[in-house]
Amino acid sequence: MLSFETIAERMEVTKRTVLDNYRSWDIPIVRVSDRILRVRERDFEAWIDARTE
């Protein structure tokens, strides 16, 4: 599972940018707890692929 920090690094943006935009970008998140959100690596890769075609 990827953290928002890891996603930001892969996208070459700041963590704040990901936090501010993950809903509008429709990044497929998984809520681990009330305060922890993660993204499955395969879902993130599919999300990226869908936006780069």
N, C-alpha and C. Protein backbone atom coordinates (compact mmCIF):
# COMPACT_ATOMS: atom_id res chain seq x y z
N MET A 1 0.85 -1.17 0.00
CA MET A 1 0.00 0.00 0.00
C MET A 1 0.89 1.24 0.00
N LEU A 2 0.52 2.19 -0.81
CA LEU A 2 1.32 3.40 -0.96
C LEU A 2 0.76 4.53 -0.11
N SER A 3 1.66 5.28 0.49
CA SER A 3 1.26 6.47 1.25
C SER A 3 1.15 7.64 0.29
N PHE A 4 0.55 8.71 0.75
CA PHE A 4 0.44 9.90 -0.08
C PHE A 4 1.82 10.50 -0.35
N GLU A 5 2.73 10.31 0.57
CA GLU A 5 4.09 10.79 0.37
C GLU A 5 4.75 10.06 -0.81
N THR A 6 4.58 8.75 -0.88
CA THR A 6 5.14 7.96 -1.97
C THR A 6 4.48 8.34 -3.30
N ILE A 7 3.18 8.53 -3.28
CA ILE A 7 2.47 8.94 -4.49
C ILE A 7 3.00 10.28 -4.98
N ALA A 8 3.19 11.21 -4.04
CA ALA A 8 3.71 12.53 -4.41
C ALA A 8 5.09 12.42 -5.05
N GLU A 9 5.94 11.58 -4.49
CA GLU A 9 7.28 11.39 -5.06
C GLU A 9 7.19 10.83 -6.47
N ARG A 10 6.34 9.85 -6.67
CA ARG A 10 6.21 9.24 -8.00
C ARG A 10 5.63 10.22 -9.02
N MET A 11 4.75 11.10 -8.56
CA MET A 11 4.14 12.08 -9.46
C MET A 11 4.97 13.34 -9.60
N GLU A 12 6.01 13.44 -8.79
CA GLU A 12 6.89 14.61 -8.76
C GLU A 12 6.12 15.89 -8.43
N VAL A 13 5.28 15.78 -7.41
CA VAL A 13 4.56 16.92 -6.85
C VAL A 13 4.72 16.86 -5.33
N THR A 14 4.23 17.86 -4.65
CA THR A 14 4.32 17.85 -3.20
C THR A 14 3.22 16.99 -2.59
N LYS A 15 3.47 16.54 -1.39
CA LYS A 15 2.47 15.76 -0.66
C LYS A 15 1.20 16.61 -0.47
N ARG A 16 1.38 17.88 -0.20
CA ARG A 16 0.23 18.78 -0.02
C ARG A 16 -0.64 18.83 -1.28
N THR A 17 -0.02 18.81 -2.45
CA THR A 17 -0.77 18.81 -3.70
C THR A 17 -1.62 17.56 -3.81
N VAL A 18 -1.06 16.42 -3.47
CA VAL A 18 -1.82 15.16 -3.51
C VAL A 18 -2.96 15.22 -2.49
N LEU A 19 -2.67 15.66 -1.29
CA LEU A 19 -3.71 15.74 -0.25
C LEU A 19 -4.84 16.67 -0.66
N ASP A 20 -4.51 17.77 -1.29
CA ASP A 20 -5.52 18.74 -1.70
C ASP A 20 -6.36 18.27 -2.88
N ASN A 21 -5.82 17.35 -3.69
CA ASN A 21 -6.47 17.01 -4.95
C ASN A 21 -6.88 15.55 -5.14
N TYR A 22 -6.59 14.68 -4.21
CA TYR A 22 -6.85 13.26 -4.46
C TYR A 22 -8.31 12.97 -4.76
N ARG A 23 -9.23 13.70 -4.16
CA ARG A 23 -10.66 13.48 -4.44
C ARG A 23 -11.01 13.92 -5.85
N SER A 24 -10.61 15.10 -6.23
CA SER A 24 -10.96 15.60 -7.57
C SER A 24 -10.23 14.83 -8.67
N TRP A 25 -9.08 14.26 -8.34
CA TRP A 25 -8.33 13.45 -9.31
C TRP A 25 -8.85 12.02 -9.35
N ASP A 26 -9.74 11.66 -8.44
CA ASP A 26 -10.30 10.31 -8.35
C ASP A 26 -9.25 9.23 -8.14
N ILE A 27 -8.25 9.55 -7.31
CA ILE A 27 -7.26 8.52 -6.96
C ILE A 27 -7.98 7.48 -6.10
N PRO A 28 -7.84 6.20 -6.44
CA PRO A 28 -8.58 5.14 -5.73
C PRO A 28 -7.97 4.83 -4.35
N ILE A 29 -8.46 5.49 -3.33
CA ILE A 29 -7.90 5.34 -1.98
C ILE A 29 -8.56 4.20 -1.21
N VAL A 30 -7.85 3.72 -0.21
CA VAL A 30 -8.36 2.74 0.75
C VAL A 30 -8.20 3.36 2.13
N ARG A 31 -9.28 3.41 2.87
CA ARG A 31 -9.22 3.96 4.23
C ARG A 31 -8.80 2.85 5.18
N VAL A 32 -7.60 2.99 5.73
CA VAL A 32 -7.06 2.00 6.65
C VAL A 32 -7.63 2.22 8.05
N SER A 33 -7.78 3.47 8.43
CA SER A 33 -8.41 3.84 9.70
C SER A 33 -9.03 5.21 9.52
N ASP A 34 -9.52 5.80 10.60
CA ASP A 34 -10.14 7.12 10.50
C ASP A 34 -9.19 8.17 9.93
N ARG A 35 -7.90 8.02 10.19
CA ARG A 35 -6.94 9.05 9.81
C ARG A 35 -5.91 8.60 8.78
N ILE A 36 -5.96 7.32 8.42
CA ILE A 36 -4.93 6.81 7.51
C ILE A 36 -5.55 6.38 6.18
N LEU A 37 -5.07 6.98 5.10
CA LEU A 37 -5.50 6.64 3.75
C LEU A 37 -4.31 6.08 2.99
N ARG A 38 -4.53 5.07 2.20
CA ARG A 38 -3.48 4.47 1.39
C ARG A 38 -4.05 4.17 0.01
N VAL A 39 -3.16 3.83 -0.91
CA VAL A 39 -3.56 3.46 -2.26
C VAL A 39 -2.83 2.16 -2.61
N ARG A 40 -3.58 1.20 -3.10
CA ARG A 40 -2.95 -0.05 -3.55
C ARG A 40 -2.06 0.27 -4.75
N GLU A 41 -0.90 -0.33 -4.78
CA GLU A 41 0.05 -0.04 -5.86
C GLU A 41 -0.55 -0.36 -7.23
N ARG A 42 -1.23 -1.49 -7.36
CA ARG A 42 -1.82 -1.84 -8.66
C ARG A 42 -2.90 -0.84 -9.08
N ASP A 43 -3.67 -0.32 -8.11
CA ASP A 43 -4.69 0.67 -8.42
C ASP A 43 -4.05 1.99 -8.85
N PHE A 44 -2.96 2.35 -8.18
CA PHE A 44 -2.26 3.58 -8.54
C PHE A 44 -1.68 3.47 -9.95
N GLU A 45 -1.06 2.33 -10.26
CA GLU A 45 -0.48 2.13 -11.60
C GLU A 45 -1.57 2.19 -12.67
N ALA A 46 -2.71 1.57 -12.41
CA ALA A 46 -3.82 1.61 -13.36
C ALA A 46 -4.35 3.03 -13.53
N TRP A 47 -4.41 3.77 -12.42
CA TRP A 47 -4.87 5.15 -12.46
C TRP A 47 -3.93 6.01 -13.30
N ILE A 48 -2.64 5.83 -13.11
CA ILE A 48 -1.63 6.57 -13.89
C ILE A 48 -1.74 6.20 -15.37
N ASP A 49 -1.81 4.90 -15.65
CA ASP A 49 -1.90 4.44 -17.04
C ASP A 49 -3.11 5.02 -17.76
N ALA A 50 -4.24 5.09 -17.06
CA ALA A 50 -5.46 5.62 -17.66
C ALA A 50 -5.34 7.10 -18.01
N ARG A 51 -4.47 7.82 -17.30
CA ARG A 51 -4.31 9.25 -17.54
C ARG A 51 -3.19 9.60 -18.49
N THR A 52 -2.38 8.61 -18.85
CA THR A 52 -1.26 8.90 -19.74
C THR A 52 -1.46 8.34 -21.16
N GLU A 53 -2.62 7.77 -21.39
CA GLU A 53 -2.90 7.23 -22.73
C GLU A 53 -3.39 8.30 -23.65
